[in-house]
Amino acid sequence: MRPVPHLMSLADLSPRQINRLVSHARYLKQVSQPWLLPQTRTDLKLRMPSQSLFSKSIALLFSKRSTRTRVAAETAATLLGGRALFLGREDIQLGVNETVRDSARVIGGMCQGIFARVGEHEEIEVS
């Protein structure tokens, strides 16, 4: 099985890859939108969004709090069939009792993805 590359920055992608990513995101948003609206009719046949995160856990690392980003990430993970695990600065000791690299290894070994909301990009760069 080929390892999946880490996406640390849009600079890691080619313009074509960025266009495909944005196009796919737009499609997922369009398909998911009806699920986010209040359901007033019971006869609607809604199409489920892709369950590409089915049975997968996504760690949401937040060193910089953001209500909109947290709600969007948790909702997206749920709509795609996954489980979001919120890990705020107060919840874990990132870089305190163990290095950021060790924390990333442990979290990465238990979760299928890591989503990071940080103040500075350097916070997620591990050498």
C-alpha atoms as a PDB file:
ATOM      1  CA  MET A   1       0.000   0.000   0.000  1.00  0.00           C
ATOM      2  CA  ARG A   2       1.423   3.355  -1.062  1.00  0.00           C
ATOM      3  CA  PRO A   3       1.749   5.922   1.750  1.00  0.00           C
ATOM      4  CA  VAL A   4      -0.448   8.986   1.404  1.00  0.00           C
ATOM      5  CA  PRO A   5       1.589  12.208   1.223  1.00  0.00           C
ATOM      6  CA  HIS A   6       1.078  14.853   3.874  1.00  0.00           C
ATOM      7  CA  LEU A   7      -0.517  18.103   2.814  1.00  0.00           C
ATOM      8  CA  MET A   8       1.162  20.822   4.850  1.00  0.00           C
ATOM      9  CA  SER A   9       0.624  23.755   2.530  1.00  0.00           C
ATOM     10  CA  LEU A  10      -0.991  24.565  -0.798  1.00  0.00           C
ATOM     11  CA  ALA A  11       2.573  25.211  -1.963  1.00  0.00           C
ATOM     12  CA  ASP A  12       2.973  21.392  -1.898  1.00  0.00           C
ATOM     13  CA  LEU A  13       0.426  21.084  -4.739  1.00  0.00           C
ATOM     14  CA  SER A  14       0.580  21.908  -8.412  1.00  0.00           C
ATOM     15  CA  PRO A  15      -1.939  24.411  -9.841  1.00  0.00           C
ATOM     16  CA  ARG A  16      -3.777  21.486 -11.455  1.00  0.00           C
ATOM     17  CA  GLN A  17      -4.015  19.655  -8.119  1.00  0.00           C
ATOM     18  CA  ILE A  18      -5.301  22.809  -6.408  1.00  0.00           C
ATOM     19  CA  ASN A  19      -7.963  23.231  -9.100  1.00  0.00           C
ATOM     20  CA  ARG A  20      -9.058  19.598  -8.668  1.00  0.00           C
ATOM     21  CA  LEU A  21      -9.145  20.022  -4.891  1.00  0.00           C
ATOM     22  CA  VAL A  22     -11.284  23.174  -5.082  1.00  0.00           C
ATOM     23  CA  SER A  23     -13.567  21.600  -7.690  1.00  0.00           C
ATOM     24  CA  HIS A  24     -14.091  18.502  -5.526  1.00  0.00           C
ATOM     25  CA  ALA A  25     -14.691  20.661  -2.438  1.00  0.00           C
ATOM     26  CA  ARG A  26     -17.308  22.664  -4.350  1.00  0.00           C
ATOM     27  CA  TYR A  27     -19.008  19.412  -5.409  1.00  0.00           C
ATOM     28  CA  LEU A  28     -19.020  18.047  -1.840  1.00  0.00           C
ATOM     29  CA  LYS A  29     -20.442  21.323  -0.540  1.00  0.00           C
ATOM     30  CA  GLN A  30     -23.204  21.239  -3.164  1.00  0.00           C
ATOM     31  CA  VAL A  31     -24.153  17.644  -2.325  1.00  0.00           C
ATOM     32  CA  SER A  32     -23.974  18.294   1.425  1.00  0.00           C
ATOM     33  CA  GLN A  33     -25.910  21.568   1.457  1.00  0.00           C
ATOM     34  CA  PRO A  34     -29.407  19.986   1.599  1.00  0.00           C
ATOM     35  CA  TRP A  35     -28.357  18.003   4.699  1.00  0.00           C
ATOM     36  CA  LEU A  36     -27.492  21.226   6.493  1.00  0.00           C
ATOM     37  CA  LEU A  37     -30.851  22.910   5.902  1.00  0.00           C
ATOM     38  CA  PRO A  38     -33.846  22.463   8.197  1.00  0.00           C
ATOM     39  CA  GLN A  39     -35.957  19.603   6.870  1.00  0.00           C
ATOM     40  CA  THR A  40     -39.515  20.839   6.472  1.00  0.00           C
ATOM     41  CA  ARG A  41     -40.606  18.236   3.921  1.00  0.00           C
ATOM     42  CA  THR A  42     -40.441  14.515   4.524  1.00  0.00           C
ATOM     43  CA  ASP A  43     -40.846  13.475   0.895  1.00  0.00           C
ATOM     44  CA  LEU A  44     -37.428  14.780  -0.215  1.00  0.00           C
ATOM     45  CA  LYS A  45     -35.036  12.193  -1.558  1.00  0.00           C
ATOM     46  CA  LEU A  46     -31.675  13.574  -0.513  1.00  0.00           C
ATOM     47  CA  ARG A  47     -28.476  12.210  -1.987  1.00  0.00           C
ATOM     48  CA  MET A  48     -25.926  11.281   0.665  1.00  0.00           C
ATOM     49  CA  PRO A  49     -22.520  12.906   0.391  1.00  0.00           C
ATOM     50  CA  SER A  50     -19.603  10.590  -0.313  1.00  0.00           C
ATOM     51  CA  GLN A  51     -18.799   8.520   2.765  1.00  0.00           C
ATOM     52  CA  SER A  52     -15.068   8.815   2.070  1.00  0.00           C
ATOM     53  CA  LEU A  53     -14.307   9.143   5.797  1.00  0.00           C
ATOM     54  CA  PHE A  54     -16.481   6.165   6.766  1.00  0.00           C
ATOM     55  CA  SER A  55     -15.210   4.659   9.999  1.00  0.00           C
ATOM     56  CA  LYS A  56     -12.201   7.007  10.095  1.00  0.00           C
ATOM     57  CA  SER A  57     -11.104   9.303  12.907  1.00  0.00           C
ATOM     58  CA  ILE A  58      -9.816  12.789  12.174  1.00  0.00           C
ATOM     59  CA  ALA A  59      -7.903  14.612  14.910  1.00  0.00           C
ATOM     60  CA  LEU A  60      -8.665  18.329  14.975  1.00  0.00           C
ATOM     61  CA  LEU A  61      -5.671  20.070  16.561  1.00  0.00           C
ATOM     62  CA  PHE A  62      -6.486  23.623  17.556  1.00  0.00           C
ATOM     63  CA  SER A  63      -3.808  25.848  19.032  1.00  0.00           C
ATOM     64  CA  LYS A  64      -5.775  28.879  17.816  1.00  0.00           C
ATOM     65  CA  ARG A  65      -9.489  28.735  18.645  1.00  0.00           C
ATOM     66  CA  SER A  66     -12.075  29.340  15.949  1.00  0.00           C
ATOM     67  CA  THR A  67     -15.757  28.557  16.325  1.00  0.00           C
ATOM     68  CA  ARG A  68     -16.479  28.572  12.574  1.00  0.00           C
ATOM     69  CA  THR A  69     -13.477  26.410  11.696  1.00  0.00           C
ATOM     70  CA  ARG A  70     -14.261  23.887  14.429  1.00  0.00           C
ATOM     71  CA  VAL A  71     -17.955  23.620  13.515  1.00  0.00           C
ATOM     72  CA  ALA A  72     -17.132  23.369   9.796  1.00  0.00           C
ATOM     73  CA  ALA A  73     -14.488  20.655  10.347  1.00  0.00           C
ATOM     74  CA  GLU A  74     -16.649  18.595  12.724  1.00  0.00           C
ATOM     75  CA  THR A  75     -19.694  18.883  10.449  1.00  0.00           C
ATOM     76  CA  ALA A  76     -17.675  17.957   7.355  1.00  0.00           C
ATOM     77  CA  ALA A  77     -16.175  14.887   9.037  1.00  0.00           C
ATOM     78  CA  THR A  78     -19.630  13.742  10.153  1.00  0.00           C
ATOM     79  CA  LEU A  79     -21.246  14.332   6.747  1.00  0.00           C
ATOM     80  CA  LEU A  80     -18.473  12.264   5.137  1.00  0.00           C
ATOM     81  CA  GLY A  81     -19.023   9.401   7.591  1.00  0.00           C
ATOM     82  CA  GLY A  82     -16.089  10.067   9.903  1.00  0.00           C
ATOM     83  CA  ARG A  83     -15.541  11.013  13.520  1.00  0.00           C
ATOM     84  CA  ALA A  84     -13.859  14.270  14.497  1.00  0.00           C
ATOM     85  CA  LEU A  85     -11.817  14.348  17.706  1.00  0.00           C
ATOM     86  CA  PHE A  86     -11.354  17.916  18.943  1.00  0.00           C
ATOM     87  CA  LEU A  87      -7.971  18.388  20.600  1.00  0.00           C
ATOM     88  CA  GLY A  88      -7.545  21.929  21.872  1.00  0.00           C
ATOM     89  CA  ARG A  89      -4.503  23.439  23.542  1.00  0.00           C
ATOM     90  CA  GLU A  90      -6.033  22.768  26.981  1.00  0.00           C
ATOM     91  CA  ASP A  91      -6.927  19.170  26.082  1.00  0.00           C
ATOM     92  CA  ILE A  92      -3.480  17.912  25.190  1.00  0.00           C
ATOM     93  CA  GLN A  93       0.054  18.825  26.160  1.00  0.00           C
ATOM     94  CA  LEU A  94       1.352  19.351  22.632  1.00  0.00           C
ATOM     95  CA  GLY A  95       5.080  20.013  22.907  1.00  0.00           C
ATOM     96  CA  VAL A  96       5.055  20.108  26.737  1.00  0.00           C
ATOM     97  CA  ASN A  97       5.654  16.585  28.074  1.00  0.00           C
ATOM     98  CA  GLU A  98       6.507  15.142  24.683  1.00  0.00           C
ATOM     99  CA  THR A  99       7.804  16.627  21.487  1.00  0.00           C
ATOM    100  CA  VAL A 100       5.486  17.772  18.714  1.00  0.00           C
ATOM    101  CA  ARG A 101       6.995  15.020  16.553  1.00  0.00           C
ATOM    102  CA  ASP A 102       6.137  12.332  19.138  1.00  0.00           C
ATOM    103  CA  SER A 103       2.606  13.701  19.527  1.00  0.00           C
ATOM    104  CA  ALA A 104       2.154  13.684  15.752  1.00  0.00           C
ATOM    105  CA  ARG A 105       3.345  10.057  15.566  1.00  0.00           C
ATOM    106  CA  VAL A 106       0.979   8.926  18.324  1.00  0.00           C
ATOM    107  CA  ILE A 107      -2.020  10.838  16.962  1.00  0.00           C
ATOM    108  CA  GLY A 108      -1.201   9.774  13.404  1.00  0.00           C
ATOM    109  CA  GLY A 109      -1.014   6.141  14.522  1.00  0.00           C
ATOM    110  CA  MET A 110      -4.488   6.277  16.032  1.00  0.00           C
ATOM    111  CA  CYS A 111      -6.260   8.583  13.599  1.00  0.00           C
ATOM    112  CA  GLN A 112      -6.486   8.445   9.826  1.00  0.00           C
ATOM    113  CA  GLY A 113      -6.072  12.200   9.461  1.00  0.00           C
ATOM    114  CA  ILE A 114      -4.925  15.293  11.295  1.00  0.00           C
ATOM    115  CA  PHE A 115      -6.484  18.708  10.701  1.00  0.00           C
ATOM    116  CA  ALA A 116      -4.540  21.556  12.299  1.00  0.00           C
ATOM    117  CA  ARG A 117      -5.758  25.090  13.078  1.00  0.00           C
ATOM    118  CA  VAL A 118      -2.681  26.954  14.224  1.00  0.00           C
ATOM    119  CA  GLY A 119      -1.499  30.521  14.614  1.00  0.00           C
ATOM    120  CA  GLU A 120       1.761  30.138  12.713  1.00  0.00           C
ATOM    121  CA  HIS A 121       2.595  27.559  10.049  1.00  0.00           C
ATOM    122  CA  GLU A 122       5.827  26.745  11.925  1.00  0.00           C
ATOM    123  CA  GLU A 123       3.715  25.109  14.645  1.00  0.00           C
ATOM    124  CA  ILE A 124       3.029  22.144  12.373  1.00  0.00           C
ATOM    125  CA  GLU A 125       6.463  21.881  10.776  1.00  0.00           C
ATOM    126  CA  VAL A 126       8.304  19.042  12.446  1.00  0.00           C
ATOM    127  CA  SER A 127      11.884  18.311  11.548  1.00  0.00           C
END
